[in-house]
Amino acid sequence: MARVEALQPIYDDKVKGILKLLGEGFSREEVAEQYRYSTYRSMDGYMSRKNFVWDKHKGTYVPADAMKASLETMVNFPSDRVRRIVMELNKEGADLKQVAVKVGFENHLEMASYMKSKGFEWSQEAGNYLSVSPTVPNDEGVAVASTDASLESSLSIGNGGMEQFLSLLEWLASNKEGLQSLLVASVASGQIPRFTLQGLFVTKSVHMTNTLDQMVRDFSKEKNINQREIFEVALIEFFQKYGYEREVETLLQQNV
């Protein structure tokens, strides 16, 4: 059976009655009580079998296909893996545990941890992961960024105003060149530095947790950088930070 047919909402008398009461302003709990359900979750189960899901924003049940179809419009996925997970769960009869294994996780709990790290949380209503928006809704319910007034208010610390920061600004200005050098040396324009190092390649086995290993694999794919280069950059920056600056400088000068 086709996906659209399987998710076609079924409007029987009970479904119509439930939707009517909700439309009249009754809460989900009150409607469930009128239909002699022990809890509203039991009513959710019935509506789910009729291909409806609860929409907490509208305060009523909506056709499941309409809720899931909205996921197709999402375009700002942080990675191809996140996109694949969401789209796999959007398929008819998708099983959370099976999808987790299919996309390379040990189990669905590991997948949940990964999705949370990417800013997605599980939605029981949608039956999928949804992006968690950091924006704050305004009076009309539209998500907007912070206003200039709110930014100005957040910068007003104490009664001293901006004058209390003059000495700090003067110090920053006097050390401008040094600070610029540090910033450029770290990561220029958000780009990952690449190094061409002299020497023979050797194979080195490193033990790490599967979660860290998966993070390396994801980063390699998303940033188009091989794993060897990831470890080279990480080690060089580690040595620079923890007392091997001169050794790193000597190593890099050999390749000039």
C-alpha atoms as a PDB file:
ATOM      1  CA  MET A   1       0.000   0.000   0.000  1.00  0.00           C
ATOM      2  CA  ALA A   2       1.302   3.465  -0.835  1.00  0.00           C
ATOM      3  CA  ARG A   3       2.438   5.784   1.940  1.00  0.00           C
ATOM      4  CA  VAL A   4      -0.216   8.409   1.249  1.00  0.00           C
ATOM      5  CA  GLU A   5      -2.995   5.843   1.396  1.00  0.00           C
ATOM      6  CA  ALA A   6      -1.641   4.356   4.627  1.00  0.00           C
ATOM      7  CA  LEU A   7      -1.635   7.764   6.322  1.00  0.00           C
ATOM      8  CA  GLN A   8      -4.998   8.906   4.988  1.00  0.00           C
ATOM      9  CA  PRO A   9      -6.983  10.179   8.029  1.00  0.00           C
ATOM     10  CA  ILE A  10     -10.094   8.187   8.946  1.00  0.00           C
ATOM     11  CA  TYR A  11     -12.971  10.405  10.048  1.00  0.00           C
ATOM     12  CA  ASP A  12     -15.318   8.045  11.891  1.00  0.00           C
ATOM     13  CA  ASP A  13     -17.994   9.278  14.311  1.00  0.00           C
ATOM     14  CA  LYS A  14     -15.716   9.135  17.343  1.00  0.00           C
ATOM     15  CA  VAL A  15     -12.921  11.027  15.580  1.00  0.00           C
ATOM     16  CA  LYS A  16     -15.376  13.699  14.499  1.00  0.00           C
ATOM     17  CA  GLY A  17     -16.731  13.949  18.044  1.00  0.00           C
ATOM     18  CA  ILE A  18     -13.259  14.306  19.559  1.00  0.00           C
ATOM     19  CA  LEU A  19     -12.255  16.986  17.065  1.00  0.00           C
ATOM     20  CA  LYS A  20     -15.533  18.811  17.635  1.00  0.00           C
ATOM     21  CA  LEU A  21     -15.043  18.965  21.410  1.00  0.00           C
ATOM     22  CA  LEU A  22     -11.457  20.106  21.051  1.00  0.00           C
ATOM     23  CA  GLY A  23     -12.620  22.781  18.615  1.00  0.00           C
ATOM     24  CA  GLU A  24     -15.102  23.976  21.234  1.00  0.00           C
ATOM     25  CA  GLY A  25     -12.306  24.609  23.701  1.00  0.00           C
ATOM     26  CA  PHE A  26     -12.283  21.436  25.790  1.00  0.00           C
ATOM     27  CA  SER A  27      -8.838  20.227  26.858  1.00  0.00           C
ATOM     28  CA  ARG A  28      -7.444  16.909  25.722  1.00  0.00           C
ATOM     29  CA  GLU A  29      -7.821  15.537  29.250  1.00  0.00           C
ATOM     30  CA  GLU A  30     -11.463  16.633  29.424  1.00  0.00           C
ATOM     31  CA  VAL A  31     -12.294  15.077  26.060  1.00  0.00           C
ATOM     32  CA  ALA A  32     -10.583  11.826  27.044  1.00  0.00           C
ATOM     33  CA  GLU A  33     -12.655  11.741  30.235  1.00  0.00           C
ATOM     34  CA  GLN A  34     -15.894  12.255  28.302  1.00  0.00           C
ATOM     35  CA  TYR A  35     -15.031   9.276  26.110  1.00  0.00           C
ATOM     36  CA  ARG A  36     -14.209   7.186  29.212  1.00  0.00           C
ATOM     37  CA  TYR A  37     -10.499   6.815  28.510  1.00  0.00           C
ATOM     38  CA  SER A  38      -8.289   6.218  31.543  1.00  0.00           C
ATOM     39  CA  THR A  39      -5.854   8.882  30.309  1.00  0.00           C
ATOM     40  CA  TYR A  40      -5.532  11.096  27.261  1.00  0.00           C
ATOM     41  CA  ARG A  41      -2.685   8.840  26.077  1.00  0.00           C
ATOM     42  CA  SER A  42      -5.203   6.065  25.476  1.00  0.00           C
ATOM     43  CA  MET A  43      -7.152   8.489  23.301  1.00  0.00           C
ATOM     44  CA  ASP A  44      -3.890   9.372  21.533  1.00  0.00           C
ATOM     45  CA  GLY A  45      -3.497   5.699  20.701  1.00  0.00           C
ATOM     46  CA  TYR A  46      -6.964   5.554  19.157  1.00  0.00           C
ATOM     47  CA  MET A  47      -6.377   8.702  17.123  1.00  0.00           C
ATOM     48  CA  SER A  48      -3.023   7.350  16.005  1.00  0.00           C
ATOM     49  CA  ARG A  49      -4.746   4.253  14.600  1.00  0.00           C
ATOM     50  CA  LYS A  50      -6.956   6.637  12.662  1.00  0.00           C
ATOM     51  CA  ASN A  51      -3.819   8.372  11.316  1.00  0.00           C
ATOM     52  CA  PHE A  52      -3.950  11.484  13.478  1.00  0.00           C
ATOM     53  CA  VAL A  53      -1.262  12.982  15.715  1.00  0.00           C
ATOM     54  CA  TRP A  54      -1.476  15.623  18.424  1.00  0.00           C
ATOM     55  CA  ASP A  55      -0.360  19.131  17.476  1.00  0.00           C
ATOM     56  CA  LYS A  56       0.434  20.943  20.719  1.00  0.00           C
ATOM     57  CA  HIS A  57       0.586  24.323  18.984  1.00  0.00           C
ATOM     58  CA  LYS A  58      -2.922  24.000  17.539  1.00  0.00           C
ATOM     59  CA  GLY A  59      -4.282  22.166  20.577  1.00  0.00           C
ATOM     60  CA  THR A  60      -5.958  19.468  18.513  1.00  0.00           C
ATOM     61  CA  TYR A  61      -5.298  16.391  16.400  1.00  0.00           C
ATOM     62  CA  VAL A  62      -4.112  16.821  12.828  1.00  0.00           C
ATOM     63  CA  PRO A  63      -3.666  14.268  10.022  1.00  0.00           C
ATOM     64  CA  ALA A  64      -0.383  12.417  10.504  1.00  0.00           C
ATOM     65  CA  ASP A  65       0.629  12.912   6.897  1.00  0.00           C
ATOM     66  CA  ALA A  66       0.311  16.689   7.244  1.00  0.00           C
ATOM     67  CA  MET A  67       2.520  16.706  10.330  1.00  0.00           C
ATOM     68  CA  LYS A  68       5.173  14.483   8.771  1.00  0.00           C
ATOM     69  CA  ALA A  69       5.058  16.286   5.430  1.00  0.00           C
ATOM     70  CA  SER A  70       6.213  19.474   7.140  1.00  0.00           C
ATOM     71  CA  LEU A  71       9.532  17.751   7.779  1.00  0.00           C
ATOM     72  CA  GLU A  72      10.191  17.640   4.044  1.00  0.00           C
ATOM     73  CA  THR A  73      10.443  21.424   3.974  1.00  0.00           C
ATOM     74  CA  MET A  74      13.400  21.434   6.372  1.00  0.00           C
ATOM     75  CA  VAL A  75      16.518  22.414   4.474  1.00  0.00           C
ATOM     76  CA  ASN A  76      18.987  23.556   7.139  1.00  0.00           C
ATOM     77  CA  PHE A  77      20.130  20.147   8.334  1.00  0.00           C
ATOM     78  CA  PRO A  78      23.514  20.416  10.089  1.00  0.00           C
ATOM     79  CA  SER A  79      24.787  17.240   8.370  1.00  0.00           C
ATOM     80  CA  ASP A  80      23.841  14.642   5.790  1.00  0.00           C
ATOM     81  CA  ARG A  81      23.549  12.088   8.577  1.00  0.00           C
ATOM     82  CA  VAL A  82      20.936  14.156  10.409  1.00  0.00           C
ATOM     83  CA  ARG A  83      19.011  14.583   7.164  1.00  0.00           C
ATOM     84  CA  ARG A  84      19.116  10.839   6.546  1.00  0.00           C
ATOM     85  CA  ILE A  85      17.853  10.028  10.049  1.00  0.00           C
ATOM     86  CA  VAL A  86      14.938  12.448   9.768  1.00  0.00           C
ATOM     87  CA  MET A  87      13.977  11.249   6.306  1.00  0.00           C
ATOM     88  CA  GLU A  88      14.239   7.567   7.295  1.00  0.00           C
ATOM     89  CA  LEU A  89      11.934   8.155  10.262  1.00  0.00           C
ATOM     90  CA  ASN A  90       9.540   9.986   7.966  1.00  0.00           C
ATOM     91  CA  LYS A  91       8.937   6.819   5.962  1.00  0.00           C
ATOM     92  CA  GLU A  92       5.846   4.694   6.471  1.00  0.00           C
ATOM     93  CA  GLY A  93       6.220   2.163   9.295  1.00  0.00           C
ATOM     94  CA  ALA A  94       9.653   3.464  10.307  1.00  0.00           C
ATOM     95  CA  ASP A  95      11.040   1.809  13.447  1.00  0.00           C
ATOM     96  CA  LEU A  96      13.291   3.927  15.679  1.00  0.00           C
ATOM     97  CA  LYS A  97      15.619   1.065  16.636  1.00  0.00           C
ATOM     98  CA  GLN A  98      15.919  -0.225  13.086  1.00  0.00           C
ATOM     99  CA  VAL A  99      16.679   3.246  11.732  1.00  0.00           C
ATOM    100  CA  ALA A 100      19.424   3.676  14.359  1.00  0.00           C
ATOM    101  CA  VAL A 101      21.185   0.503  13.225  1.00  0.00           C
ATOM    102  CA  LYS A 102      20.647   1.332   9.544  1.00  0.00           C
ATOM    103  CA  VAL A 103      22.455   4.680   9.826  1.00  0.00           C
ATOM    104  CA  GLY A 104      25.374   3.190  11.778  1.00  0.00           C
ATOM    105  CA  PHE A 105      24.556   3.517  15.485  1.00  0.00           C
ATOM    106  CA  GLU A 106      24.787   0.787  18.114  1.00  0.00           C
ATOM    107  CA  ASN A 107      21.244   1.534  19.267  1.00  0.00           C
ATOM    108  CA  HIS A 108      18.553   4.226  19.332  1.00  0.00           C
ATOM    109  CA  LEU A 109      19.939   5.743  22.549  1.00  0.00           C
ATOM    110  CA  GLU A 110      23.266   6.449  20.858  1.00  0.00           C
ATOM    111  CA  MET A 111      21.390   7.997  17.936  1.00  0.00           C
ATOM    112  CA  ALA A 112      19.395  10.184  20.348  1.00  0.00           C
ATOM    113  CA  SER A 113      22.629  11.441  21.906  1.00  0.00           C
ATOM    114  CA  TYR A 114      24.014  12.264  18.464  1.00  0.00           C
ATOM    115  CA  MET A 115      20.865  14.107  17.400  1.00  0.00           C
ATOM    116  CA  LYS A 116      20.880  16.112  20.632  1.00  0.00           C
ATOM    117  CA  SER A 117      24.459  17.191  19.921  1.00  0.00           C
ATOM    118  CA  LYS A 118      23.215  18.464  16.541  1.00  0.00           C
ATOM    119  CA  GLY A 119      20.355  20.456  18.095  1.00  0.00           C
ATOM    120  CA  PHE A 120      17.519  17.987  17.475  1.00  0.00           C
ATOM    121  CA  GLU A 121      15.133  16.500  20.028  1.00  0.00           C
ATOM    122  CA  TRP A 122      12.604  13.683  19.763  1.00  0.00           C
ATOM    123  CA  SER A 123       8.982  14.715  19.247  1.00  0.00           C
ATOM    124  CA  GLN A 124       6.403  12.112  20.217  1.00  0.00           C
ATOM    125  CA  GLU A 125       3.738  14.051  18.321  1.00  0.00           C
ATOM    126  CA  ALA A 126       5.674  14.143  15.043  1.00  0.00           C
ATOM    127  CA  GLY A 127       7.208  10.712  15.523  1.00  0.00           C
ATOM    128  CA  ASN A 128      10.553  12.189  14.512  1.00  0.00           C
ATOM    129  CA  TYR A 129      13.387  14.468  15.584  1.00  0.00           C
ATOM    130  CA  LEU A 130      12.729  18.192  15.335  1.00  0.00           C
ATOM    131  CA  SER A 131      15.183  21.067  15.423  1.00  0.00           C
ATOM    132  CA  VAL A 132      15.298  22.983  18.686  1.00  0.00           C
ATOM    133  CA  SER A 133      15.073  26.702  17.826  1.00  0.00           C
ATOM    134  CA  PRO A 134      16.999  29.117  20.076  1.00  0.00           C
ATOM    135  CA  THR A 135      14.860  32.054  18.997  1.00  0.00           C
ATOM    136  CA  VAL A 136      12.215  33.592  21.217  1.00  0.00           C
ATOM    137  CA  PRO A 137       8.653  34.153  19.921  1.00  0.00           C
ATOM    138  CA  ASN A 138       7.254  37.659  19.949  1.00  0.00           C
ATOM    139  CA  ASP A 139       3.703  38.706  20.857  1.00  0.00           C
ATOM    140  CA  GLU A 140       2.437  37.395  17.516  1.00  0.00           C
ATOM    141  CA  GLY A 141       4.082  34.017  18.024  1.00  0.00           C
ATOM    142  CA  VAL A 142       6.753  34.674  15.397  1.00  0.00           C
ATOM    143  CA  ALA A 143      10.325  33.768  16.251  1.00  0.00           C
ATOM    144  CA  VAL A 144      12.547  36.830  16.054  1.00  0.00           C
ATOM    145  CA  ALA A 145      16.098  37.751  16.920  1.00  0.00           C
ATOM    146  CA  SER A 146      16.987  40.015  19.837  1.00  0.00           C
ATOM    147  CA  THR A 147      16.105  43.661  19.281  1.00  0.00           C
ATOM    148  CA  ASP A 148      18.585  46.516  19.473  1.00  0.00           C
ATOM    149  CA  ALA A 149      16.893  47.662  22.651  1.00  0.00           C
ATOM    150  CA  SER A 150      17.375  44.300  24.331  1.00  0.00           C
ATOM    151  CA  LEU A 151      21.018  44.237  23.259  1.00  0.00           C
ATOM    152  CA  GLU A 152      21.554  47.727  24.605  1.00  0.00           C
ATOM    153  CA  SER A 153      19.954  46.699  27.875  1.00  0.00           C
ATOM    154  CA  SER A 154      22.171  43.638  28.165  1.00  0.00           C
ATOM    155  CA  LEU A 155      25.273  45.812  27.701  1.00  0.00           C
ATOM    156  CA  SER A 156      24.258  48.297  30.386  1.00  0.00           C
ATOM    157  CA  ILE A 157      26.164  46.881  33.343  1.00  0.00           C
ATOM    158  CA  GLY A 158      25.924  48.848  36.547  1.00  0.00           C
ATOM    159  CA  ASN A 159      25.888  52.632  36.605  1.00  0.00           C
ATOM    160  CA  GLY A 160      29.256  53.170  34.982  1.00  0.00           C
ATOM    161  CA  GLY A 161      28.040  52.736  31.404  1.00  0.00           C
ATOM    162  CA  MET A 162      30.678  52.233  28.732  1.00  0.00           C
ATOM    163  CA  GLU A 163      33.231  54.360  30.615  1.00  0.00           C
ATOM    164  CA  GLN A 164      34.099  51.425  32.878  1.00  0.00           C
ATOM    165  CA  PHE A 165      35.418  49.547  29.819  1.00  0.00           C
ATOM    166  CA  LEU A 166      37.717  52.309  28.509  1.00  0.00           C
ATOM    167  CA  SER A 167      40.836  50.883  30.158  1.00  0.00           C
ATOM    168  CA  LEU A 168      40.120  47.480  28.650  1.00  0.00           C
ATOM    169  CA  LEU A 169      39.589  49.015  25.201  1.00  0.00           C
ATOM    170  CA  GLU A 170      42.872  50.905  25.494  1.00  0.00           C
ATOM    171  CA  TRP A 171      44.704  47.684  26.374  1.00  0.00           C
ATOM    172  CA  LEU A 172      43.130  45.889  23.412  1.00  0.00           C
ATOM    173  CA  ALA A 173      44.152  48.718  21.091  1.00  0.00           C
ATOM    174  CA  SER A 174      47.763  48.701  22.334  1.00  0.00           C
ATOM    175  CA  ASN A 175      47.989  44.926  21.793  1.00  0.00           C
ATOM    176  CA  LYS A 176      46.108  44.884  18.509  1.00  0.00           C
ATOM    177  CA  GLU A 177      48.899  43.363  16.387  1.00  0.00           C
ATOM    178  CA  GLY A 178      49.691  40.605  18.856  1.00  0.00           C
ATOM    179  CA  LEU A 179      46.050  39.652  19.230  1.00  0.00           C
ATOM    180  CA  GLN A 180      45.553  39.613  15.471  1.00  0.00           C
ATOM    181  CA  SER A 181      48.527  37.277  15.076  1.00  0.00           C
ATOM    182  CA  LEU A 182      47.088  34.882  17.652  1.00  0.00           C
ATOM    183  CA  LEU A 183      43.701  34.859  15.971  1.00  0.00           C
ATOM    184  CA  VAL A 184      45.116  34.347  12.490  1.00  0.00           C
ATOM    185  CA  ALA A 185      47.456  31.612  13.726  1.00  0.00           C
ATOM    186  CA  SER A 186      44.613  29.611  15.251  1.00  0.00           C
ATOM    187  CA  VAL A 187      42.088  29.273  12.409  1.00  0.00           C
ATOM    188  CA  ALA A 188      41.989  31.820   9.594  1.00  0.00           C
ATOM    189  CA  SER A 189      38.480  32.735   8.515  1.00  0.00           C
ATOM    190  CA  GLY A 190      37.052  29.612  10.106  1.00  0.00           C
ATOM    191  CA  GLN A 191      39.153  27.361   7.840  1.00  0.00           C
ATOM    192  CA  ILE A 192      40.929  24.261   9.107  1.00  0.00           C
ATOM    193  CA  PRO A 193      44.726  24.613   8.770  1.00  0.00           C
ATOM    194  CA  ARG A 194      46.489  22.011   6.638  1.00  0.00           C
ATOM    195  CA  PHE A 195      50.124  20.967   7.187  1.00  0.00           C
ATOM    196  CA  THR A 196      52.602  19.279   4.863  1.00  0.00           C
ATOM    197  CA  LEU A 197      55.001  17.430   7.138  1.00  0.00           C
ATOM    198  CA  GLN A 198      58.276  15.755   6.180  1.00  0.00           C
ATOM    199  CA  GLY A 199      58.918  12.163   7.189  1.00  0.00           C
ATOM    200  CA  LEU A 200      57.737   8.653   6.576  1.00  0.00           C
ATOM    201  CA  PHE A 201      54.171   7.588   7.260  1.00  0.00           C
ATOM    202  CA  VAL A 202      53.693   5.052  10.057  1.00  0.00           C
ATOM    203  CA  THR A 203      50.644   3.180  11.277  1.00  0.00           C
ATOM    204  CA  LYS A 204      49.644   3.939  14.862  1.00  0.00           C
ATOM    205  CA  SER A 205      46.769   2.188  16.636  1.00  0.00           C
ATOM    206  CA  VAL A 206      44.764   4.377  19.003  1.00  0.00           C
ATOM    207  CA  HIS A 207      41.984   3.158  21.279  1.00  0.00           C
ATOM    208  CA  MET A 208      39.013   5.477  21.762  1.00  0.00           C
ATOM    209  CA  THR A 209      35.317   5.233  22.525  1.00  0.00           C
ATOM    210  CA  ASN A 210      32.991   4.427  19.652  1.00  0.00           C
ATOM    211  CA  THR A 211      31.195   7.746  20.193  1.00  0.00           C
ATOM    212  CA  LEU A 212      34.414   9.735  19.721  1.00  0.00           C
ATOM    213  CA  ASP A 213      35.312   7.576  16.731  1.00  0.00           C
ATOM    214  CA  GLN A 214      31.913   8.313  15.170  1.00  0.00           C
ATOM    215  CA  MET A 215      32.427  12.040  15.769  1.00  0.00           C
ATOM    216  CA  VAL A 216      35.730  11.862  13.879  1.00  0.00           C
ATOM    217  CA  ARG A 217      34.026  10.043  10.997  1.00  0.00           C
ATOM    218  CA  ASP A 218      31.164  12.563  10.861  1.00  0.00           C
ATOM    219  CA  PHE A 219      33.534  15.552  10.983  1.00  0.00           C
ATOM    220  CA  SER A 220      35.689  14.031   8.250  1.00  0.00           C
ATOM    221  CA  LYS A 221      32.703  13.626   5.957  1.00  0.00           C
ATOM    222  CA  GLU A 222      31.023  16.960   6.713  1.00  0.00           C
ATOM    223  CA  LYS A 223      34.208  19.083   6.466  1.00  0.00           C
ATOM    224  CA  ASN A 224      35.765  17.130   3.583  1.00  0.00           C
ATOM    225  CA  ILE A 225      38.980  16.405   5.483  1.00  0.00           C
ATOM    226  CA  ASN A 226      40.512  12.954   5.899  1.00  0.00           C
ATOM    227  CA  GLN A 227      41.004  11.473   9.343  1.00  0.00           C
ATOM    228  CA  ARG A 228      44.809  11.631   9.173  1.00  0.00           C
ATOM    229  CA  GLU A 229      44.664  15.401   8.705  1.00  0.00           C
ATOM    230  CA  ILE A 230      42.223  15.723  11.611  1.00  0.00           C
ATOM    231  CA  PHE A 231      44.682  14.026  13.968  1.00  0.00           C
ATOM    232  CA  GLU A 232      47.644  15.991  12.577  1.00  0.00           C
ATOM    233  CA  VAL A 233      45.914  19.329  13.230  1.00  0.00           C
ATOM    234  CA  ALA A 234      44.723  18.179  16.652  1.00  0.00           C
ATOM    235  CA  LEU A 235      48.184  17.002  17.733  1.00  0.00           C
ATOM    236  CA  ILE A 236      49.989  20.096  16.452  1.00  0.00           C
ATOM    237  CA  GLU A 237      47.580  22.438  18.255  1.00  0.00           C
ATOM    238  CA  PHE A 238      47.817  20.248  21.381  1.00  0.00           C
ATOM    239  CA  PHE A 239      51.625  20.501  21.398  1.00  0.00           C
ATOM    240  CA  GLN A 240      51.471  24.263  20.805  1.00  0.00           C
ATOM    241  CA  LYS A 241      49.134  24.690  23.759  1.00  0.00           C
ATOM    242  CA  TYR A 242      50.887  22.415  26.233  1.00  0.00           C
ATOM    243  CA  GLY A 243      54.581  23.309  26.166  1.00  0.00           C
ATOM    244  CA  TYR A 244      55.921  22.127  22.795  1.00  0.00           C
ATOM    245  CA  GLU A 245      55.692  25.433  20.926  1.00  0.00           C
ATOM    246  CA  ARG A 246      59.414  25.450  20.006  1.00  0.00           C
ATOM    247  CA  GLU A 247      59.347  21.841  18.802  1.00  0.00           C
ATOM    248  CA  VAL A 248      56.275  22.510  16.660  1.00  0.00           C
ATOM    249  CA  GLU A 249      57.863  25.664  15.218  1.00  0.00           C
ATOM    250  CA  THR A 250      60.992  23.692  14.291  1.00  0.00           C
ATOM    251  CA  LEU A 251      58.903  20.939  12.701  1.00  0.00           C
ATOM    252  CA  LEU A 252      56.921  23.384  10.580  1.00  0.00           C
ATOM    253  CA  GLN A 253      60.052  25.329   9.511  1.00  0.00           C
ATOM    254  CA  GLN A 254      61.483  22.117   8.051  1.00  0.00           C
ATOM    255  CA  ASN A 255      58.655  22.149   5.533  1.00  0.00           C
ATOM    256  CA  VAL A 256      59.085  25.755   4.379  1.00  0.00           C
END
